[in-house]
Amino acid sequence: MQTVTVPAKTIEKILSRLDYLTQKVEDINIKLSGQEPSYGSDEWWKWSDAKAMQEVKEGKYTKIHNKKELRQYLNSLKTA
């Protein structure tokens, strides 16, 4: 058996790159499958933000200017 000594910084770089590549592969898998990432994960936040921005671009939002409008809107959800 042969032993190889590797500096700690090199090991840290390798592990950091592996983490980065793992993240990129997960991102690609999510995009290709079209499924929602695990709730609360970094991928989920990216996915959720992108989805929300797309909805805003499509005009799928409600403007609320004051408490009265907010109350009316929330009450309308109860009856829907």
N, C-alpha and C. Protein backbone atom coordinates (compact mmCIF):
# COMPACT_ATOMS: atom_id res chain seq x y z
N MET A 1 0.84 -1.17 0.00
CA MET A 1 0.00 0.00 0.00
C MET A 1 0.90 1.24 0.00
N GLN A 2 0.50 2.21 -0.80
CA GLN A 2 1.29 3.43 -0.92
C GLN A 2 0.50 4.60 -0.33
N THR A 3 1.17 5.47 0.40
CA THR A 3 0.53 6.62 1.02
C THR A 3 0.92 7.88 0.27
N VAL A 4 -0.06 8.72 0.01
CA VAL A 4 0.18 9.99 -0.66
C VAL A 4 -0.26 11.09 0.29
N THR A 5 0.61 12.07 0.49
CA THR A 5 0.29 13.20 1.35
C THR A 5 -0.23 14.34 0.49
N VAL A 6 -1.40 14.85 0.87
CA VAL A 6 -2.02 15.94 0.12
C VAL A 6 -2.26 17.09 1.09
N PRO A 7 -1.86 18.30 0.71
CA PRO A 7 -2.09 19.45 1.60
C PRO A 7 -3.58 19.66 1.88
N ALA A 8 -3.88 20.15 3.07
CA ALA A 8 -5.27 20.38 3.48
C ALA A 8 -5.97 21.36 2.54
N LYS A 9 -5.27 22.37 2.06
CA LYS A 9 -5.89 23.34 1.14
C LYS A 9 -6.33 22.66 -0.15
N THR A 10 -5.54 21.71 -0.63
CA THR A 10 -5.90 20.99 -1.86
C THR A 10 -7.17 20.18 -1.63
N ILE A 11 -7.26 19.51 -0.49
CA ILE A 11 -8.45 18.72 -0.16
C ILE A 11 -9.67 19.66 -0.07
N GLU A 12 -9.50 20.82 0.56
CA GLU A 12 -10.60 21.78 0.67
C GLU A 12 -11.06 22.25 -0.71
N LYS A 13 -10.11 22.51 -1.62
CA LYS A 13 -10.46 22.93 -2.98
C LYS A 13 -11.24 21.84 -3.70
N ILE A 14 -10.77 20.61 -3.57
CA ILE A 14 -11.43 19.48 -4.23
C ILE A 14 -12.86 19.34 -3.70
N LEU A 15 -13.03 19.39 -2.39
CA LEU A 15 -14.36 19.25 -1.81
C LEU A 15 -15.27 20.41 -2.21
N SER A 16 -14.72 21.61 -2.26
CA SER A 16 -15.49 22.77 -2.67
C SER A 16 -15.96 22.63 -4.12
N ARG A 17 -15.09 22.17 -4.98
CA ARG A 17 -15.46 21.97 -6.39
C ARG A 17 -16.50 20.86 -6.52
N LEU A 18 -16.36 19.80 -5.73
CA LEU A 18 -17.36 18.73 -5.77
C LEU A 18 -18.73 19.24 -5.33
N ASP A 19 -18.76 20.06 -4.28
CA ASP A 19 -20.03 20.65 -3.85
C ASP A 19 -20.64 21.50 -4.95
N TYR A 20 -19.81 22.32 -5.61
CA TYR A 20 -20.28 23.18 -6.69
C TYR A 20 -20.84 22.34 -7.85
N LEU A 21 -20.10 21.32 -8.25
CA LEU A 21 -20.55 20.47 -9.36
C LEU A 21 -21.82 19.71 -9.00
N THR A 22 -21.91 19.24 -7.76
CA THR A 22 -23.11 18.55 -7.31
C THR A 22 -24.32 19.47 -7.41
N GLN A 23 -24.15 20.71 -6.99
CA GLN A 23 -25.23 21.71 -7.07
C GLN A 23 -25.65 21.94 -8.51
N LYS A 24 -24.69 22.07 -9.41
CA LYS A 24 -25.00 22.31 -10.83
C LYS A 24 -25.74 21.12 -11.43
N VAL A 25 -25.33 19.91 -11.11
CA VAL A 25 -26.00 18.72 -11.62
C VAL A 25 -27.45 18.68 -11.10
N GLU A 26 -27.65 19.01 -9.83
CA GLU A 26 -29.01 19.05 -9.28
C GLU A 26 -29.86 20.09 -10.00
N ASP A 27 -29.28 21.27 -10.25
CA ASP A 27 -29.99 22.32 -10.98
C ASP A 27 -30.41 21.85 -12.36
N ILE A 28 -29.51 21.17 -13.05
CA ILE A 28 -29.80 20.66 -14.39
C ILE A 28 -30.91 19.61 -14.33
N ASN A 29 -30.82 18.70 -13.38
CA ASN A 29 -31.85 17.66 -13.23
C ASN A 29 -33.22 18.27 -12.96
N ILE A 30 -33.26 19.29 -12.13
CA ILE A 30 -34.54 19.95 -11.81
C ILE A 30 -35.10 20.62 -13.06
N LYS A 31 -34.25 21.31 -13.81
CA LYS A 31 -34.72 21.99 -15.02
C LYS A 31 -35.22 20.99 -16.05
N LEU A 32 -34.50 19.88 -16.22
CA LEU A 32 -34.90 18.88 -17.21
C LEU A 32 -36.17 18.14 -16.81
N SER A 33 -36.33 17.89 -15.52
CA SER A 33 -37.50 17.12 -15.08
C SER A 33 -38.73 18.01 -14.90
N GLY A 34 -38.51 19.31 -14.69
CA GLY A 34 -39.63 20.22 -14.49
C GLY A 34 -40.28 20.09 -13.14
N GLN A 35 -39.67 19.33 -12.24
CA GLN A 35 -40.28 19.15 -10.93
C GLN A 35 -39.82 20.22 -9.94
N GLU A 36 -40.60 20.37 -8.91
CA GLU A 36 -40.30 21.35 -7.87
C GLU A 36 -39.20 20.81 -6.96
N PRO A 37 -38.17 21.62 -6.70
CA PRO A 37 -37.09 21.18 -5.79
C PRO A 37 -37.60 21.02 -4.36
N SER A 38 -36.79 20.44 -3.51
CA SER A 38 -37.15 20.26 -2.10
C SER A 38 -37.41 21.60 -1.45
N TYR A 39 -38.53 21.71 -0.74
CA TYR A 39 -38.93 22.97 -0.12
C TYR A 39 -37.84 23.49 0.81
N GLY A 40 -37.53 24.78 0.68
CA GLY A 40 -36.57 25.42 1.56
C GLY A 40 -35.12 25.31 1.12
N SER A 41 -34.84 24.44 0.15
CA SER A 41 -33.46 24.29 -0.32
C SER A 41 -33.07 25.51 -1.16
N ASP A 42 -31.79 25.68 -1.38
CA ASP A 42 -31.33 26.79 -2.23
C ASP A 42 -31.95 26.70 -3.62
N GLU A 43 -32.07 25.47 -4.13
CA GLU A 43 -32.66 25.28 -5.45
C GLU A 43 -34.12 25.71 -5.45
N TRP A 44 -34.81 25.39 -4.34
CA TRP A 44 -36.22 25.77 -4.25
C TRP A 44 -36.38 27.28 -4.28
N TRP A 45 -35.53 28.00 -3.54
CA TRP A 45 -35.63 29.46 -3.52
C TRP A 45 -35.38 30.04 -4.90
N LYS A 46 -34.39 29.53 -5.61
CA LYS A 46 -34.12 30.00 -6.98
C LYS A 46 -35.33 29.72 -7.88
N TRP A 47 -35.84 28.50 -7.78
CA TRP A 47 -36.99 28.09 -8.59
C TRP A 47 -38.21 28.94 -8.27
N SER A 48 -38.48 29.15 -6.97
CA SER A 48 -39.64 29.91 -6.54
C SER A 48 -39.54 31.37 -6.99
N ASP A 49 -38.36 31.96 -6.84
CA ASP A 49 -38.17 33.34 -7.28
C ASP A 49 -38.38 33.48 -8.79
N ALA A 50 -37.84 32.55 -9.55
CA ALA A 50 -37.99 32.60 -11.01
C ALA A 50 -39.46 32.46 -11.39
N LYS A 51 -40.15 31.55 -10.71
CA LYS A 51 -41.58 31.33 -10.98
C LYS A 51 -42.39 32.59 -10.65
N ALA A 52 -42.08 33.22 -9.51
CA ALA A 52 -42.79 34.43 -9.11
C ALA A 52 -42.55 35.57 -10.09
N MET A 53 -41.31 35.73 -10.53
CA MET A 53 -41.00 36.80 -11.48
C MET A 53 -41.73 36.58 -12.81
N GLN A 54 -41.85 35.33 -13.23
CA GLN A 54 -42.57 35.02 -14.45
C GLN A 54 -44.05 35.38 -14.31
N GLU A 55 -44.62 35.09 -13.15
CA GLU A 55 -46.02 35.42 -12.90
C GLU A 55 -46.24 36.93 -12.91
N VAL A 56 -45.29 37.68 -12.35
CA VAL A 56 -45.40 39.15 -12.36
C VAL A 56 -45.35 39.65 -13.80
N LYS A 57 -44.43 39.11 -14.60
CA LYS A 57 -44.33 39.52 -16.01
C LYS A 57 -45.63 39.24 -16.77
N GLU A 58 -46.33 38.17 -16.37
CA GLU A 58 -47.58 37.79 -17.03
C GLU A 58 -48.78 38.55 -16.45
N GLY A 59 -48.53 39.41 -15.47
CA GLY A 59 -49.61 40.20 -14.88
C GLY A 59 -50.45 39.44 -13.86
N LYS A 60 -49.95 38.34 -13.37
CA LYS A 60 -50.69 37.52 -12.41
C LYS A 60 -50.37 37.96 -10.98
N TYR A 61 -50.88 39.11 -10.61
CA TYR A 61 -50.68 39.61 -9.26
C TYR A 61 -51.82 40.57 -8.92
N THR A 62 -51.91 40.91 -7.64
CA THR A 62 -52.96 41.81 -7.18
C THR A 62 -52.29 42.98 -6.45
N LYS A 63 -52.67 44.19 -6.81
CA LYS A 63 -52.16 45.37 -6.11
C LYS A 63 -53.08 45.67 -4.94
N ILE A 64 -52.48 45.88 -3.79
CA ILE A 64 -53.23 46.23 -2.59
C ILE A 64 -52.61 47.50 -2.04
N HIS A 65 -53.44 48.54 -1.89
CA HIS A 65 -52.92 49.86 -1.52
C HIS A 65 -53.07 50.21 -0.05
N ASN A 66 -53.96 49.52 0.66
CA ASN A 66 -54.16 49.88 2.07
C ASN A 66 -54.76 48.68 2.82
N LYS A 67 -54.95 48.86 4.12
CA LYS A 67 -55.46 47.79 4.97
C LYS A 67 -56.87 47.35 4.56
N LYS A 68 -57.69 48.31 4.18
CA LYS A 68 -59.07 48.01 3.80
C LYS A 68 -59.08 47.08 2.58
N GLU A 69 -58.27 47.41 1.58
CA GLU A 69 -58.20 46.56 0.38
C GLU A 69 -57.64 45.19 0.73
N LEU A 70 -56.67 45.16 1.64
CA LEU A 70 -56.10 43.88 2.06
C LEU A 70 -57.17 43.02 2.73
N ARG A 71 -57.93 43.61 3.63
CA ARG A 71 -58.99 42.88 4.32
C ARG A 71 -60.01 42.35 3.32
N GLN A 72 -60.43 43.20 2.36
CA GLN A 72 -61.39 42.77 1.35
C GLN A 72 -60.84 41.62 0.52
N TYR A 73 -59.58 41.73 0.15
CA TYR A 73 -58.96 40.67 -0.65
C TYR A 73 -58.91 39.35 0.12
N LEU A 74 -58.46 39.42 1.37
CA LEU A 74 -58.37 38.19 2.17
C LEU A 74 -59.75 37.59 2.43
N ASN A 75 -60.75 38.44 2.65
CA ASN A 75 -62.11 37.94 2.84
C ASN A 75 -62.65 37.28 1.57
N SER A 76 -62.26 37.83 0.42
CA SER A 76 -62.72 37.24 -0.84
C SER A 76 -62.12 35.85 -1.05
N LEU A 77 -60.98 35.60 -0.48
CA LEU A 77 -60.36 34.27 -0.60
C LEU A 77 -61.11 33.24 0.20
N LYS A 78 -61.68 33.66 1.32
CA LYS A 78 -62.44 32.75 2.17
C LYS A 78 -63.69 32.24 1.47
N THR A 79 -64.33 33.11 0.67
CA THR A 79 -65.58 32.74 0.02
C THR A 79 -65.36 32.08 -1.34
N ALA A 80 -64.17 32.11 -1.81
CA ALA A 80 -63.89 31.54 -3.14
C ALA A 80 -63.83 30.04 -3.12
